[in-house]
Amino acid sequence: MAFRKVRDFLYVMREKNIVREGMEMAFLTLKVFCGLHVANKYLFTIVLPYGPSMLPTLSLNGDLILAERVSTRLGSVDRGDIVLVRSPLHPTVVVTKRLIGLEGDSVSYVVEPGKSDRTDTTVVPKGHVWVEGDNIYASRDSRNFGPVPYGLLEGKFIWRIWPPKDFGSLGPNKTEPISDKDLSSTEAI
C-alpha cells in the first residue's frame, strides 16, 4: 500500500514538473516575442523596399535594408539620409525617400519632371521636412504632397544587407537622377 502511494506521489510530481517546464517555456517564448516586437517597433527593423522611386540607389525589388528608428525619434536625421516616411496621401503605407530639406531650408525642385524644366522654390516650415525619391521621374514625394510633418518619419536606412554584392552602408550621399530613357516603362509609386 505504501509503495502505491509513493508511486502515485512520484507520478504526480513528474506531471507537475512537465506542466511547470511547459509554462516556463511558454513564458520564455512570450518574452522573446515581446522583445523582438519592441526592438522592431522602437530600435531596428528590416525593410524590403520596392518600386522605381529610389532608382538607382535601391533596386526595383530584392534589396534587404536594415533601418534604425532611434534617430528619427531623437531628431538626428540630416539632409541626404534615406528615410522611412508614413505617406501623407495613404497613411497605411510607409514609403522610402531621401531627406532633402529640414525646417527653414529653401528647397528648389522641378515641378513636372519630364514635361518641363520649370522649377519652384519653397521654404520648409517648422516641424516639417522635404523628401524626394532619387528617381524624380517616378516618385510621389514632397513635390506632390508638400513638406512632410517630422512626426511621419519612422526610420533611417543604415545598411544594405542583401544582395551581398551591394552589402554596406547607405550613408547620406545624393545620387544623380536617372534620365528619361532609363525609365520609359516605370510608373510612380
N, C-alpha and C. Protein backbone atom coordinates (compact mmCIF):
# COMPACT_ATOMS: atom_id res chain seq x y z
N MET A 1 0.81 -1.18 0.00
CA MET A 1 0.00 0.00 0.00
C MET A 1 0.86 1.26 0.00
N ALA A 2 1.90 1.26 0.83
CA ALA A 2 2.78 2.42 0.91
C ALA A 2 3.52 2.62 -0.41
N PHE A 3 3.83 1.49 -1.08
CA PHE A 3 4.53 1.59 -2.36
C PHE A 3 3.66 2.30 -3.40
N ARG A 4 2.38 1.96 -3.39
CA ARG A 4 1.47 2.59 -4.34
C ARG A 4 1.35 4.09 -4.09
N LYS A 5 1.32 4.51 -2.84
CA LYS A 5 1.23 5.94 -2.51
C LYS A 5 2.49 6.67 -2.96
N VAL A 6 3.66 6.04 -2.78
CA VAL A 6 4.92 6.65 -3.22
C VAL A 6 4.93 6.76 -4.74
N ARG A 7 4.52 5.68 -5.40
CA ARG A 7 4.49 5.69 -6.86
C ARG A 7 3.52 6.76 -7.38
N ASP A 8 2.35 6.85 -6.80
CA ASP A 8 1.38 7.88 -7.19
C ASP A 8 1.94 9.28 -6.93
N PHE A 9 2.61 9.43 -5.80
CA PHE A 9 3.21 10.73 -5.45
C PHE A 9 4.26 11.12 -6.49
N LEU A 10 5.14 10.17 -6.86
CA LEU A 10 6.17 10.46 -7.86
C LEU A 10 5.55 10.78 -9.22
N TYR A 11 4.48 10.08 -9.57
CA TYR A 11 3.80 10.33 -10.83
C TYR A 11 3.22 11.75 -10.86
N VAL A 12 2.58 12.14 -9.78
CA VAL A 12 2.00 13.49 -9.69
C VAL A 12 3.10 14.54 -9.75
N MET A 13 4.22 14.31 -9.08
CA MET A 13 5.33 15.27 -9.09
C MET A 13 5.92 15.39 -10.50
N ARG A 14 6.02 14.26 -11.20
CA ARG A 14 6.53 14.29 -12.56
C ARG A 14 5.58 15.08 -13.46
N GLU A 15 4.28 14.89 -13.29
CA GLU A 15 3.29 15.64 -14.05
C GLU A 15 3.41 17.14 -13.76
N LYS A 16 3.60 17.50 -12.51
CA LYS A 16 3.75 18.91 -12.14
C LYS A 16 5.00 19.51 -12.77
N ASN A 17 6.08 18.73 -12.82
CA ASN A 17 7.32 19.22 -13.44
C ASN A 17 7.11 19.47 -14.94
N ILE A 18 6.40 18.58 -15.59
CA ILE A 18 6.14 18.76 -17.02
C ILE A 18 5.32 20.02 -17.24
N VAL A 19 4.30 20.21 -16.44
CA VAL A 19 3.46 21.40 -16.56
C VAL A 19 4.29 22.65 -16.28
N ARG A 20 5.11 22.60 -15.22
CA ARG A 20 5.93 23.76 -14.86
C ARG A 20 6.93 24.08 -15.98
N GLU A 21 7.57 23.06 -16.52
CA GLU A 21 8.52 23.28 -17.62
C GLU A 21 7.80 23.84 -18.85
N GLY A 22 6.61 23.34 -19.12
CA GLY A 22 5.83 23.87 -20.24
C GLY A 22 5.47 25.33 -20.04
N MET A 23 5.08 25.68 -18.83
CA MET A 23 4.75 27.08 -18.52
C MET A 23 5.99 27.96 -18.63
N GLU A 24 7.12 27.48 -18.13
CA GLU A 24 8.36 28.25 -18.21
C GLU A 24 8.75 28.48 -19.67
N MET A 25 8.61 27.45 -20.50
CA MET A 25 8.94 27.58 -21.92
C MET A 25 7.98 28.56 -22.61
N ALA A 26 6.70 28.50 -22.26
CA ALA A 26 5.73 29.43 -22.84
C ALA A 26 6.05 30.87 -22.45
N PHE A 27 6.39 31.11 -21.19
CA PHE A 27 6.73 32.47 -20.75
C PHE A 27 8.02 32.95 -21.41
N LEU A 28 9.00 32.07 -21.57
CA LEU A 28 10.24 32.44 -22.24
C LEU A 28 9.96 32.82 -23.70
N THR A 29 9.15 32.03 -24.38
CA THR A 29 8.78 32.33 -25.76
C THR A 29 8.06 33.67 -25.85
N LEU A 30 7.15 33.91 -24.92
CA LEU A 30 6.43 35.18 -24.89
C LEU A 30 7.38 36.36 -24.68
N LYS A 31 8.35 36.20 -23.78
CA LYS A 31 9.34 37.25 -23.53
C LYS A 31 10.16 37.54 -24.79
N VAL A 32 10.57 36.48 -25.49
CA VAL A 32 11.36 36.66 -26.71
C VAL A 32 10.55 37.42 -27.76
N PHE A 33 9.30 37.02 -27.97
CA PHE A 33 8.47 37.71 -28.96
C PHE A 33 8.20 39.16 -28.56
N CYS A 34 7.98 39.41 -27.29
CA CYS A 34 7.79 40.80 -26.83
C CYS A 34 9.06 41.61 -27.06
N GLY A 35 10.21 41.03 -26.77
CA GLY A 35 11.48 41.71 -27.00
C GLY A 35 11.70 42.01 -28.47
N LEU A 36 11.39 41.05 -29.35
CA LEU A 36 11.52 41.27 -30.79
C LEU A 36 10.57 42.36 -31.28
N HIS A 37 9.35 42.36 -30.75
CA HIS A 37 8.38 43.39 -31.14
C HIS A 37 8.87 44.78 -30.74
N VAL A 38 9.34 44.92 -29.51
CA VAL A 38 9.84 46.22 -29.03
C VAL A 38 11.04 46.66 -29.86
N ALA A 39 11.97 45.73 -30.13
CA ALA A 39 13.15 46.06 -30.94
C ALA A 39 12.73 46.50 -32.35
N ASN A 40 11.77 45.79 -32.96
CA ASN A 40 11.31 46.12 -34.30
C ASN A 40 10.55 47.45 -34.33
N LYS A 41 9.77 47.73 -33.31
CA LYS A 41 8.95 48.95 -33.29
C LYS A 41 9.75 50.20 -32.92
N TYR A 42 10.74 50.07 -32.02
CA TYR A 42 11.40 51.25 -31.48
C TYR A 42 12.90 51.35 -31.75
N LEU A 43 13.55 50.27 -32.17
CA LEU A 43 15.00 50.31 -32.35
C LEU A 43 15.42 50.08 -33.80
N PHE A 44 15.20 48.88 -34.31
CA PHE A 44 15.64 48.50 -35.65
C PHE A 44 14.52 47.75 -36.36
N THR A 45 14.57 47.79 -37.68
CA THR A 45 13.63 47.00 -38.47
C THR A 45 14.31 46.61 -39.78
N ILE A 46 13.84 45.55 -40.37
CA ILE A 46 14.30 45.10 -41.68
C ILE A 46 13.26 45.56 -42.70
N VAL A 47 13.71 46.18 -43.79
CA VAL A 47 12.80 46.75 -44.78
C VAL A 47 13.08 46.11 -46.14
N LEU A 48 12.01 45.83 -46.87
CA LEU A 48 12.09 45.34 -48.25
C LEU A 48 11.50 46.40 -49.17
N PRO A 49 12.27 47.44 -49.50
CA PRO A 49 11.71 48.50 -50.36
C PRO A 49 11.46 47.97 -51.77
N TYR A 50 10.45 48.52 -52.43
CA TYR A 50 10.18 48.12 -53.81
C TYR A 50 9.69 49.32 -54.60
N GLY A 51 9.78 49.21 -55.90
CA GLY A 51 9.33 50.27 -56.78
C GLY A 51 10.47 51.12 -57.31
N PRO A 52 10.17 51.95 -58.32
CA PRO A 52 11.20 52.70 -59.02
C PRO A 52 11.58 54.04 -58.39
N SER A 53 10.92 54.47 -57.33
CA SER A 53 11.14 55.84 -56.84
C SER A 53 12.54 56.10 -56.30
N MET A 54 13.26 55.07 -55.88
CA MET A 54 14.60 55.28 -55.34
C MET A 54 15.70 54.74 -56.26
N LEU A 55 15.36 54.48 -57.54
CA LEU A 55 16.40 54.10 -58.50
C LEU A 55 17.34 55.27 -58.69
N PRO A 56 18.59 55.11 -58.88
CA PRO A 56 19.37 53.89 -58.95
C PRO A 56 19.93 53.44 -57.59
N THR A 57 19.66 54.18 -56.53
CA THR A 57 20.23 53.83 -55.22
C THR A 57 19.74 52.47 -54.75
N LEU A 58 18.45 52.22 -54.84
CA LEU A 58 17.85 50.94 -54.47
C LEU A 58 17.25 50.30 -55.71
N SER A 59 17.32 48.98 -55.79
CA SER A 59 16.78 48.31 -56.97
C SER A 59 15.25 48.27 -56.89
N LEU A 60 14.63 47.85 -58.00
CA LEU A 60 13.17 47.79 -58.04
C LEU A 60 12.61 46.86 -56.97
N ASN A 61 13.28 45.76 -56.74
CA ASN A 61 12.90 44.85 -55.65
C ASN A 61 14.10 43.98 -55.34
N GLY A 62 14.09 43.35 -54.21
CA GLY A 62 15.18 42.45 -53.86
C GLY A 62 16.18 42.98 -52.87
N ASP A 63 16.17 44.29 -52.59
CA ASP A 63 17.07 44.82 -51.57
C ASP A 63 16.50 44.52 -50.19
N LEU A 64 17.38 44.19 -49.28
CA LEU A 64 17.01 43.98 -47.88
C LEU A 64 17.81 45.00 -47.08
N ILE A 65 17.12 45.88 -46.37
CA ILE A 65 17.75 47.02 -45.73
C ILE A 65 17.51 46.99 -44.22
N LEU A 66 18.56 47.33 -43.46
CA LEU A 66 18.42 47.50 -42.01
C LEU A 66 18.20 48.98 -41.75
N ALA A 67 17.10 49.30 -41.10
CA ALA A 67 16.79 50.69 -40.76
C ALA A 67 16.71 50.82 -39.25
N GLU A 68 17.23 51.93 -38.74
CA GLU A 68 17.11 52.17 -37.30
C GLU A 68 16.07 53.25 -37.06
N ARG A 69 15.37 53.15 -35.93
CA ARG A 69 14.25 54.04 -35.65
C ARG A 69 14.55 55.08 -34.57
N VAL A 70 15.74 55.05 -34.00
CA VAL A 70 16.07 55.95 -32.89
C VAL A 70 16.34 57.37 -33.38
N SER A 71 17.06 57.52 -34.48
CA SER A 71 17.44 58.85 -34.99
C SER A 71 16.23 59.73 -35.25
N THR A 72 15.19 59.16 -35.83
CA THR A 72 14.01 59.97 -36.15
C THR A 72 13.30 60.41 -34.87
N ARG A 73 13.33 59.59 -33.84
CA ARG A 73 12.71 59.97 -32.57
C ARG A 73 13.52 61.04 -31.84
N LEU A 74 14.83 61.02 -32.02
CA LEU A 74 15.70 61.98 -31.35
C LEU A 74 15.96 63.22 -32.19
N GLY A 75 15.47 63.24 -33.41
CA GLY A 75 15.66 64.40 -34.27
C GLY A 75 17.04 64.50 -34.87
N SER A 76 17.72 63.37 -35.03
CA SER A 76 19.09 63.42 -35.55
C SER A 76 19.20 62.83 -36.95
N VAL A 77 18.27 63.21 -37.81
CA VAL A 77 18.40 62.88 -39.23
C VAL A 77 18.92 64.12 -39.94
N ASP A 78 19.54 63.92 -41.09
CA ASP A 78 20.14 65.05 -41.80
C ASP A 78 19.85 64.95 -43.29
N ARG A 79 20.12 66.01 -43.99
CA ARG A 79 19.95 66.03 -45.43
C ARG A 79 20.76 64.89 -46.05
N GLY A 80 20.15 64.21 -47.01
CA GLY A 80 20.83 63.12 -47.69
C GLY A 80 20.52 61.75 -47.13
N ASP A 81 19.96 61.68 -45.92
CA ASP A 81 19.61 60.38 -45.33
C ASP A 81 18.43 59.77 -46.08
N ILE A 82 18.44 58.45 -46.24
CA ILE A 82 17.29 57.74 -46.79
C ILE A 82 16.42 57.37 -45.60
N VAL A 83 15.15 57.77 -45.66
CA VAL A 83 14.26 57.61 -44.51
C VAL A 83 13.00 56.83 -44.86
N LEU A 84 12.41 56.25 -43.84
CA LEU A 84 11.08 55.65 -43.94
C LEU A 84 10.09 56.73 -43.55
N VAL A 85 9.08 56.94 -44.37
CA VAL A 85 8.10 58.00 -44.14
C VAL A 85 6.70 57.42 -44.25
N ARG A 86 5.85 57.71 -43.29
CA ARG A 86 4.44 57.35 -43.40
C ARG A 86 3.85 58.28 -44.46
N SER A 87 3.25 57.71 -45.49
CA SER A 87 2.75 58.50 -46.61
C SER A 87 1.63 59.44 -46.17
N PRO A 88 1.76 60.74 -46.49
CA PRO A 88 0.68 61.67 -46.17
C PRO A 88 -0.58 61.41 -47.01
N LEU A 89 -0.41 60.79 -48.19
CA LEU A 89 -1.54 60.50 -49.06
C LEU A 89 -2.25 59.21 -48.68
N HIS A 90 -1.50 58.22 -48.22
CA HIS A 90 -2.04 56.91 -47.84
C HIS A 90 -1.44 56.52 -46.49
N PRO A 91 -2.07 56.91 -45.39
CA PRO A 91 -1.47 56.73 -44.06
C PRO A 91 -1.16 55.29 -43.65
N THR A 92 -1.70 54.31 -44.36
CA THR A 92 -1.37 52.92 -44.02
C THR A 92 -0.10 52.45 -44.70
N VAL A 93 0.46 53.29 -45.57
CA VAL A 93 1.64 52.91 -46.36
C VAL A 93 2.87 53.66 -45.86
N VAL A 94 3.98 52.92 -45.74
CA VAL A 94 5.26 53.54 -45.40
C VAL A 94 6.12 53.52 -46.66
N VAL A 95 6.66 54.68 -47.04
CA VAL A 95 7.45 54.79 -48.26
C VAL A 95 8.90 55.12 -47.93
N THR A 96 9.76 54.92 -48.91
CA THR A 96 11.19 55.19 -48.77
C THR A 96 11.54 56.40 -49.62
N LYS A 97 12.13 57.41 -49.00
CA LYS A 97 12.52 58.63 -49.73
C LYS A 97 13.83 59.16 -49.15
N ARG A 98 14.43 60.11 -49.89
CA ARG A 98 15.64 60.76 -49.41
C ARG A 98 15.25 62.10 -48.80
N LEU A 99 15.81 62.40 -47.63
CA LEU A 99 15.54 63.66 -46.96
C LEU A 99 16.36 64.76 -47.65
N ILE A 100 15.68 65.74 -48.21
CA ILE A 100 16.32 66.80 -48.98
C ILE A 100 16.46 68.08 -48.17
N GLY A 101 15.43 68.42 -47.40
CA GLY A 101 15.47 69.68 -46.66
C GLY A 101 14.88 69.56 -45.27
N LEU A 102 15.46 70.30 -44.34
CA LEU A 102 14.97 70.38 -42.97
C LEU A 102 14.21 71.69 -42.78
N GLU A 103 13.56 71.85 -41.64
CA GLU A 103 12.80 73.07 -41.40
C GLU A 103 13.67 74.31 -41.58
N GLY A 104 13.12 75.29 -42.26
CA GLY A 104 13.85 76.52 -42.52
C GLY A 104 14.66 76.51 -43.81
N ASP A 105 14.88 75.34 -44.40
CA ASP A 105 15.65 75.26 -45.65
C ASP A 105 14.81 75.77 -46.82
N SER A 106 15.48 76.37 -47.77
CA SER A 106 14.86 76.76 -49.02
C SER A 106 15.17 75.66 -50.04
N VAL A 107 14.13 75.04 -50.58
CA VAL A 107 14.30 73.90 -51.47
C VAL A 107 13.79 74.26 -52.86
N SER A 108 14.62 74.06 -53.87
CA SER A 108 14.21 74.23 -55.27
C SER A 108 13.99 72.85 -55.87
N TYR A 109 12.94 72.73 -56.66
CA TYR A 109 12.61 71.43 -57.25
C TYR A 109 11.98 71.62 -58.62
N VAL A 110 12.10 70.60 -59.45
CA VAL A 110 11.47 70.59 -60.77
C VAL A 110 10.00 70.25 -60.56
N VAL A 111 9.12 71.10 -61.06
CA VAL A 111 7.69 70.94 -60.81
C VAL A 111 7.12 69.72 -61.52
N GLU A 112 7.39 69.58 -62.82
CA GLU A 112 6.89 68.44 -63.59
C GLU A 112 8.04 67.80 -64.35
N PRO A 113 8.82 66.94 -63.69
CA PRO A 113 9.96 66.32 -64.37
C PRO A 113 9.51 65.57 -65.63
N GLY A 114 10.28 65.70 -66.68
CA GLY A 114 9.96 65.02 -67.93
C GLY A 114 9.02 65.80 -68.82
N LYS A 115 8.24 66.73 -68.25
CA LYS A 115 7.30 67.52 -69.05
C LYS A 115 7.82 68.93 -69.28
N SER A 116 8.48 69.49 -68.27
CA SER A 116 9.03 70.84 -68.42
C SER A 116 10.22 71.00 -67.47
N ASP A 117 10.98 72.05 -67.69
CA ASP A 117 12.12 72.34 -66.82
C ASP A 117 11.76 73.38 -65.77
N ARG A 118 10.49 73.71 -65.64
CA ARG A 118 10.06 74.73 -64.70
C ARG A 118 10.37 74.30 -63.27
N THR A 119 10.97 75.21 -62.53
CA THR A 119 11.30 74.92 -61.13
C THR A 119 10.53 75.85 -60.22
N ASP A 120 10.43 75.43 -58.98
CA ASP A 120 9.79 76.24 -57.96
C ASP A 120 10.65 76.15 -56.71
N THR A 121 10.52 77.11 -55.85
CA THR A 121 11.28 77.12 -54.60
C THR A 121 10.30 77.29 -53.45
N THR A 122 10.53 76.56 -52.39
CA THR A 122 9.69 76.67 -51.20
C THR A 122 10.57 76.63 -49.96
N VAL A 123 10.07 77.20 -48.89
CA VAL A 123 10.77 77.15 -47.61
C VAL A 123 10.07 76.10 -46.76
N VAL A 124 10.83 75.16 -46.22
CA VAL A 124 10.26 74.09 -45.41
C VAL A 124 9.82 74.69 -44.07
N PRO A 125 8.53 74.55 -43.72
CA PRO A 125 8.04 75.14 -42.47
C PRO A 125 8.56 74.41 -41.23
N LYS A 126 8.41 75.06 -40.10
CA LYS A 126 8.86 74.49 -38.83
C LYS A 126 8.13 73.17 -38.56
N GLY A 127 8.88 72.19 -38.08
CA GLY A 127 8.31 70.88 -37.77
C GLY A 127 8.10 69.98 -38.97
N HIS A 128 8.64 70.36 -40.12
CA HIS A 128 8.46 69.59 -41.35
C HIS A 128 9.81 69.30 -41.99
N VAL A 129 9.79 68.35 -42.94
CA VAL A 129 10.97 68.04 -43.75
C VAL A 129 10.51 67.93 -45.20
N TRP A 130 11.48 68.00 -46.11
CA TRP A 130 11.20 67.84 -47.54
C TRP A 130 11.85 66.54 -47.99
N VAL A 131 11.07 65.63 -48.58
CA VAL A 131 11.59 64.34 -49.03
C VAL A 131 11.32 64.17 -50.52
N GLU A 132 12.26 63.52 -51.19
CA GLU A 132 12.10 63.22 -52.62
C GLU A 132 12.70 61.84 -52.90
N GLY A 133 12.16 61.19 -53.93
CA GLY A 133 12.77 59.97 -54.42
C GLY A 133 13.97 60.32 -55.27
N ASP A 134 14.96 59.43 -55.33
CA ASP A 134 16.13 59.67 -56.17
C ASP A 134 15.75 59.70 -57.65
N ASN A 135 14.71 58.99 -58.01
CA ASN A 135 14.22 58.94 -59.38
C ASN A 135 13.06 59.93 -59.50
N ILE A 136 13.36 61.17 -59.85
CA ILE A 136 12.33 62.21 -59.85
C ILE A 136 11.24 61.97 -60.89
N TYR A 137 11.51 61.10 -61.87
CA TYR A 137 10.53 60.84 -62.92
C TYR A 137 9.48 59.81 -62.48
N ALA A 138 9.71 59.11 -61.41
CA ALA A 138 8.78 58.05 -60.98
C ALA A 138 8.65 58.04 -59.47
N SER A 139 8.42 59.20 -58.89
CA SER A 139 8.32 59.27 -57.43
C SER A 139 7.23 60.25 -57.02
N ARG A 140 6.38 59.82 -56.13
CA ARG A 140 5.43 60.72 -55.49
C ARG A 140 6.06 61.13 -54.17
N ASP A 141 6.34 62.39 -54.03
CA ASP A 141 7.09 62.86 -52.86
C ASP A 141 6.65 64.27 -52.50
N SER A 142 7.50 65.02 -51.83
CA SER A 142 7.13 66.36 -51.38
C SER A 142 6.79 67.29 -52.54
N ARG A 143 7.24 66.98 -53.74
CA ARG A 143 6.85 67.79 -54.90
C ARG A 143 5.36 67.66 -55.16
N ASN A 144 4.76 66.52 -54.74
CA ASN A 144 3.33 66.28 -54.94
C ASN A 144 2.51 66.65 -53.71
N PHE A 145 2.99 66.27 -52.52
CA PHE A 145 2.18 66.49 -51.31
C PHE A 145 2.76 67.50 -50.35
N GLY A 146 3.83 68.19 -50.75
CA GLY A 146 4.38 69.26 -49.92
C GLY A 146 5.26 68.75 -48.79
N PRO A 147 5.67 69.66 -47.92
CA PRO A 147 6.53 69.27 -46.80
C PRO A 147 5.82 68.24 -45.91
N VAL A 148 6.59 67.33 -45.34
CA VAL A 148 6.06 66.25 -44.52
C VAL A 148 6.28 66.57 -43.04
N PRO A 149 5.26 66.43 -42.20
CA PRO A 149 5.47 66.64 -40.77
C PRO A 149 6.54 65.69 -40.24
N TYR A 150 7.40 66.21 -39.38
CA TYR A 150 8.51 65.41 -38.85
C TYR A 150 8.01 64.14 -38.17
N GLY A 151 6.85 64.18 -37.59
CA GLY A 151 6.28 63.02 -36.90
C GLY A 151 6.00 61.84 -37.81
N LEU A 152 5.96 62.06 -39.12
CA LEU A 152 5.72 60.96 -40.05
C LEU A 152 6.99 60.19 -40.41
N LEU A 153 8.15 60.69 -39.98
CA LEU A 153 9.39 59.94 -40.21
C LEU A 153 9.42 58.76 -39.26
N GLU A 154 9.69 57.56 -39.79
CA GLU A 154 9.65 56.36 -38.97
C GLU A 154 10.98 55.65 -38.85
N GLY A 155 11.98 56.03 -39.61
CA GLY A 155 13.26 55.36 -39.51
C GLY A 155 14.24 55.89 -40.53
N LYS A 156 15.49 55.49 -40.35
CA LYS A 156 16.57 55.90 -41.26
C LYS A 156 17.33 54.66 -41.70
N PHE A 157 17.55 54.53 -43.01
CA PHE A 157 18.29 53.39 -43.55
C PHE A 157 19.76 53.51 -43.15
N ILE A 158 20.34 52.39 -42.69
CA ILE A 158 21.75 52.42 -42.34
C ILE A 158 22.59 51.40 -43.10
N TRP A 159 22.06 50.20 -43.36
CA TRP A 159 22.84 49.17 -44.05
C TRP A 159 22.00 48.44 -45.07
N ARG A 160 22.60 48.18 -46.23
CA ARG A 160 22.00 47.26 -47.20
C ARG A 160 22.55 45.88 -46.85
N ILE A 161 21.66 44.95 -46.57
CA ILE A 161 22.05 43.60 -46.17
C ILE A 161 22.08 42.67 -47.37
N TRP A 162 21.15 42.86 -48.30
CA TRP A 162 21.03 41.99 -49.46
C TRP A 162 20.80 42.84 -50.69
N PRO A 163 21.35 42.54 -51.80
CA PRO A 163 22.20 41.42 -52.16
C PRO A 163 23.62 41.59 -51.62
N PRO A 164 24.31 40.47 -51.43
CA PRO A 164 25.65 40.51 -50.83
C PRO A 164 26.64 41.39 -51.60
N LYS A 165 26.52 41.46 -52.91
CA LYS A 165 27.47 42.28 -53.69
C LYS A 165 27.33 43.77 -53.36
N ASP A 166 26.16 44.19 -52.87
CA ASP A 166 25.93 45.59 -52.53
C ASP A 166 25.92 45.84 -51.02
N PHE A 167 26.34 44.84 -50.24
CA PHE A 167 26.32 44.97 -48.78
C PHE A 167 27.12 46.20 -48.35
N GLY A 168 26.57 46.97 -47.45
CA GLY A 168 27.30 48.12 -46.93
C GLY A 168 26.41 49.24 -46.47
N SER A 169 27.04 50.31 -46.07
CA SER A 169 26.36 51.47 -45.51
C SER A 169 25.57 52.23 -46.58
N LEU A 170 24.44 52.77 -46.16
CA LEU A 170 23.66 53.65 -47.02
C LEU A 170 23.73 55.05 -46.43
N GLY A 171 24.90 55.63 -46.50
CA GLY A 171 25.13 56.95 -45.92
C GLY A 171 24.44 58.05 -46.70
N PRO A 172 24.55 59.26 -46.20
CA PRO A 172 23.86 60.40 -46.83
C PRO A 172 24.58 60.94 -48.05
N ASN A 173 24.51 60.22 -49.16
CA ASN A 173 25.11 60.74 -50.40
C ASN A 173 24.03 60.81 -51.45
N LYS A 174 23.86 61.94 -52.03
CA LYS A 174 22.82 62.16 -53.04
C LYS A 174 23.31 61.67 -54.39
N THR A 175 22.54 60.79 -55.02
CA THR A 175 22.89 60.32 -56.35
C THR A 175 22.21 61.20 -57.39
N GLU A 176 22.73 61.19 -58.58
CA GLU A 176 22.14 61.97 -59.66
C GLU A 176 20.87 61.29 -60.15
N PRO A 177 19.86 62.07 -60.48
CA PRO A 177 18.64 61.47 -61.02
C PRO A 177 18.94 60.74 -62.32
N ILE A 178 18.15 59.72 -62.61
CA ILE A 178 18.37 58.99 -63.85
C ILE A 178 17.60 59.65 -64.98
N SER A 179 17.97 59.35 -66.20
CA SER A 179 17.40 60.04 -67.35
C SER A 179 16.04 59.47 -67.73
N ASP A 180 15.33 60.22 -68.60
CA ASP A 180 14.02 59.79 -69.08
C ASP A 180 14.08 58.45 -69.79
N LYS A 181 15.12 58.23 -70.59
CA LYS A 181 15.18 57.00 -71.38
C LYS A 181 15.35 55.77 -70.50
N ASP A 182 15.95 55.93 -69.31
CA ASP A 182 16.12 54.80 -68.40
C ASP A 182 14.80 54.38 -67.77
N LEU A 183 13.79 55.26 -67.77
CA LEU A 183 12.55 54.99 -67.07
C LEU A 183 11.32 55.03 -67.95
N SER A 184 11.47 54.73 -69.19
CA SER A 184 10.35 54.85 -70.11
C SER A 184 9.17 53.97 -69.72
N SER A 185 9.40 52.88 -68.99
CA SER A 185 8.30 51.98 -68.66
C SER A 185 7.98 51.92 -67.17
N THR A 186 8.52 52.80 -66.36
CA THR A 186 8.24 52.74 -64.93
C THR A 186 7.10 53.67 -64.57
N GLU A 187 6.43 53.34 -63.48
CA GLU A 187 5.30 54.14 -63.02
C GLU A 187 5.58 54.64 -61.62
N ALA A 188 5.08 55.79 -61.27
CA ALA A 188 5.33 56.38 -59.94
C ALA A 188 4.66 55.57 -58.85
N ILE A 189 5.32 55.56 -57.69
CA ILE A 189 4.74 54.88 -56.52
C ILE A 189 4.23 55.91 -55.56
